[in-house]
Amino acid sequence: MNSLRQQVTNSIAELNEAINDADADLDPLDDGWIVTDSGAVLIRLRPLGLLEIARLAQAIRGAKRL
């Protein structure tokens, strides 16, 4: 696995952990991402309800420690 893909994999694992810690009922993101030709990472989510969006926001806010 190349360095960029490994970094993305590690970051996605961190995001999955934050989502779980926020008690958001979301599918794991392990297969829901791609790296574009420019190196950007696109994360695909299923349609989310309002509570799920709020939980995802909590998970992202909790990741500010980076």
N, C-alpha and C. Protein backbone atom coordinates (compact mmCIF):
# COMPACT_ATOMS: atom_id res chain seq x y z
N MET A 1 0.85 -1.18 0.00
CA MET A 1 0.00 0.00 0.00
C MET A 1 0.90 1.24 0.00
N ASN A 2 0.60 2.18 -0.89
CA ASN A 2 1.47 3.35 -0.95
C ASN A 2 1.22 4.27 0.25
N SER A 3 2.10 5.22 0.42
CA SER A 3 2.06 6.08 1.60
C SER A 3 0.76 6.88 1.71
N LEU A 4 0.29 7.46 0.60
CA LEU A 4 -0.94 8.24 0.66
C LEU A 4 -2.12 7.37 1.05
N ARG A 5 -2.24 6.20 0.44
CA ARG A 5 -3.36 5.31 0.77
C ARG A 5 -3.27 4.87 2.24
N GLN A 6 -2.08 4.65 2.74
CA GLN A 6 -1.92 4.26 4.14
C GLN A 6 -2.34 5.41 5.06
N GLN A 7 -1.96 6.63 4.70
CA GLN A 7 -2.36 7.79 5.49
C GLN A 7 -3.88 7.95 5.50
N VAL A 8 -4.50 7.76 4.33
CA VAL A 8 -5.96 7.85 4.24
C VAL A 8 -6.60 6.76 5.09
N THR A 9 -6.09 5.54 4.98
CA THR A 9 -6.63 4.42 5.75
C THR A 9 -6.55 4.72 7.25
N ASN A 10 -5.42 5.25 7.69
CA ASN A 10 -5.26 5.59 9.11
C ASN A 10 -6.22 6.71 9.53
N SER A 11 -6.39 7.71 8.67
CA SER A 11 -7.30 8.81 8.98
C SER A 11 -8.75 8.35 9.02
N ILE A 12 -9.12 7.48 8.09
CA ILE A 12 -10.49 6.94 8.06
C ILE A 12 -10.74 6.12 9.32
N ALA A 13 -9.75 5.37 9.76
CA ALA A 13 -9.89 4.59 11.00
C ALA A 13 -10.12 5.53 12.18
N GLU A 14 -9.40 6.65 12.22
CA GLU A 14 -9.60 7.64 13.29
C GLU A 14 -11.01 8.21 13.23
N LEU A 15 -11.49 8.52 12.02
CA LEU A 15 -12.84 9.07 11.87
C LEU A 15 -13.88 8.04 12.28
N ASN A 16 -13.69 6.79 11.89
CA ASN A 16 -14.61 5.73 12.32
C ASN A 16 -14.68 5.64 13.84
N GLU A 17 -13.53 5.73 14.48
CA GLU A 17 -13.48 5.67 15.95
C GLU A 17 -14.22 6.86 16.57
N ALA A 18 -14.02 8.05 16.01
CA ALA A 18 -14.71 9.24 16.52
C ALA A 18 -16.22 9.12 16.32
N ILE A 19 -16.63 8.58 15.18
CA ILE A 19 -18.06 8.38 14.92
C ILE A 19 -18.65 7.41 15.92
N ASN A 20 -17.94 6.32 16.18
CA ASN A 20 -18.42 5.34 17.17
C ASN A 20 -18.48 5.95 18.56
N ASP A 21 -17.46 6.73 18.93
CA ASP A 21 -17.44 7.38 20.24
C ASP A 21 -18.59 8.36 20.41
N ALA A 22 -19.05 8.96 19.31
CA ALA A 22 -20.17 9.91 19.36
C ALA A 22 -21.52 9.20 19.28
N ASP A 23 -21.49 7.86 19.30
CA ASP A 23 -22.71 7.05 19.21
C ASP A 23 -23.53 7.32 17.96
N ALA A 24 -22.85 7.69 16.88
CA ALA A 24 -23.55 7.87 15.60
C ALA A 24 -23.72 6.50 14.96
N ASP A 25 -24.91 6.22 14.51
CA ASP A 25 -25.21 4.93 13.90
C ASP A 25 -24.95 5.02 12.39
N LEU A 26 -23.67 5.07 12.03
CA LEU A 26 -23.27 5.16 10.63
C LEU A 26 -22.49 3.91 10.24
N ASP A 27 -22.62 3.54 8.99
CA ASP A 27 -21.83 2.41 8.50
C ASP A 27 -20.36 2.79 8.53
N PRO A 28 -19.47 1.83 8.78
CA PRO A 28 -18.04 2.12 8.72
C PRO A 28 -17.67 2.71 7.35
N LEU A 29 -16.74 3.62 7.34
CA LEU A 29 -16.35 4.31 6.11
C LEU A 29 -15.24 3.59 5.35
N ASP A 30 -14.87 2.41 5.79
CA ASP A 30 -13.72 1.71 5.21
C ASP A 30 -13.81 1.55 3.69
N ASP A 31 -14.98 1.28 3.16
CA ASP A 31 -15.12 1.08 1.72
C ASP A 31 -15.78 2.27 1.05
N GLY A 32 -16.03 3.33 1.77
CA GLY A 32 -16.78 4.46 1.24
C GLY A 32 -15.92 5.66 0.88
N TRP A 33 -14.71 5.45 0.42
CA TRP A 33 -13.86 6.58 0.08
C TRP A 33 -13.01 6.27 -1.15
N ILE A 34 -12.61 7.34 -1.84
CA ILE A 34 -11.69 7.21 -2.97
C ILE A 34 -10.71 8.38 -2.91
N VAL A 35 -9.54 8.17 -3.50
CA VAL A 35 -8.56 9.24 -3.64
C VAL A 35 -8.60 9.69 -5.10
N THR A 36 -8.82 10.98 -5.31
CA THR A 36 -8.89 11.51 -6.67
C THR A 36 -7.49 11.64 -7.26
N ASP A 37 -7.43 11.93 -8.54
CA ASP A 37 -6.14 12.13 -9.21
C ASP A 37 -5.34 13.27 -8.60
N SER A 38 -6.04 14.26 -8.06
CA SER A 38 -5.35 15.40 -7.45
C SER A 38 -4.93 15.14 -6.01
N GLY A 39 -5.30 13.96 -5.47
CA GLY A 39 -4.92 13.61 -4.11
C GLY A 39 -5.97 13.93 -3.06
N ALA A 40 -7.10 14.49 -3.48
CA ALA A 40 -8.18 14.76 -2.53
C ALA A 40 -8.88 13.45 -2.16
N VAL A 41 -9.42 13.41 -0.96
CA VAL A 41 -10.13 12.21 -0.50
C VAL A 41 -11.62 12.53 -0.48
N LEU A 42 -12.40 11.70 -1.18
CA LEU A 42 -13.86 11.84 -1.17
C LEU A 42 -14.43 10.73 -0.30
N ILE A 43 -15.26 11.11 0.66
CA ILE A 43 -15.91 10.15 1.54
C ILE A 43 -17.39 10.11 1.18
N ARG A 44 -17.88 8.92 0.91
CA ARG A 44 -19.29 8.75 0.55
C ARG A 44 -20.07 8.27 1.77
N LEU A 45 -21.18 8.94 2.03
CA LEU A 45 -22.07 8.56 3.12
C LEU A 45 -23.43 8.21 2.54
N ARG A 46 -24.15 7.36 3.25
CA ARG A 46 -25.54 7.09 2.86
C ARG A 46 -26.37 8.29 3.28
N PRO A 47 -27.62 8.41 2.80
CA PRO A 47 -28.46 9.51 3.27
C PRO A 47 -28.59 9.47 4.80
N LEU A 48 -28.47 10.63 5.42
CA LEU A 48 -28.47 10.72 6.88
C LEU A 48 -29.68 11.48 7.39
N GLY A 49 -30.17 11.04 8.55
CA GLY A 49 -31.22 11.77 9.25
C GLY A 49 -30.61 12.91 10.06
N LEU A 50 -31.46 13.76 10.61
CA LEU A 50 -30.98 14.92 11.36
C LEU A 50 -30.15 14.53 12.57
N LEU A 51 -30.58 13.53 13.31
CA LEU A 51 -29.82 13.08 14.48
C LEU A 51 -28.46 12.53 14.05
N GLU A 52 -28.42 11.80 12.96
CA GLU A 52 -27.15 11.25 12.47
C GLU A 52 -26.20 12.37 12.06
N ILE A 53 -26.73 13.41 11.43
CA ILE A 53 -25.89 14.55 11.06
C ILE A 53 -25.34 15.22 12.31
N ALA A 54 -26.17 15.37 13.32
CA ALA A 54 -25.71 15.98 14.58
C ALA A 54 -24.62 15.13 15.23
N ARG A 55 -24.79 13.81 15.21
CA ARG A 55 -23.78 12.92 15.80
C ARG A 55 -22.47 12.98 15.01
N LEU A 56 -22.58 13.06 13.69
CA LEU A 56 -21.38 13.18 12.86
C LEU A 56 -20.66 14.49 13.17
N ALA A 57 -21.42 15.56 13.34
CA ALA A 57 -20.82 16.84 13.71
C ALA A 57 -20.10 16.75 15.05
N GLN A 58 -20.71 16.05 16.02
CA GLN A 58 -20.06 15.85 17.32
C GLN A 58 -18.75 15.09 17.15
N ALA A 59 -18.76 14.08 16.31
CA ALA A 59 -17.55 13.28 16.08
C ALA A 59 -16.45 14.14 15.47
N ILE A 60 -16.83 14.99 14.53
CA ILE A 60 -15.84 15.85 13.88
C ILE A 60 -15.32 16.90 14.85
N ARG A 61 -16.20 17.47 15.65
CA ARG A 61 -15.75 18.45 16.64
C ARG A 61 -14.79 17.82 17.64
N GLY A 62 -15.06 16.58 18.00
CA GLY A 62 -14.19 15.87 18.94
C GLY A 62 -12.82 15.58 18.37
N ALA A 63 -12.68 15.65 17.06
CA ALA A 63 -11.41 15.34 16.40
C ALA A 63 -10.50 16.57 16.33
N LYS A 64 -10.88 17.67 16.95
CA LYS A 64 -10.08 18.90 16.88
C LYS A 64 -8.70 18.73 17.53
N ARG A 65 -8.52 17.66 18.26
CA ARG A 65 -7.25 17.46 18.95
C ARG A 65 -6.09 17.27 17.98
N LEU A 66 -6.39 17.02 16.70
CA LEU A 66 -5.33 16.87 15.70
C LEU A 66 -4.65 18.20 15.55
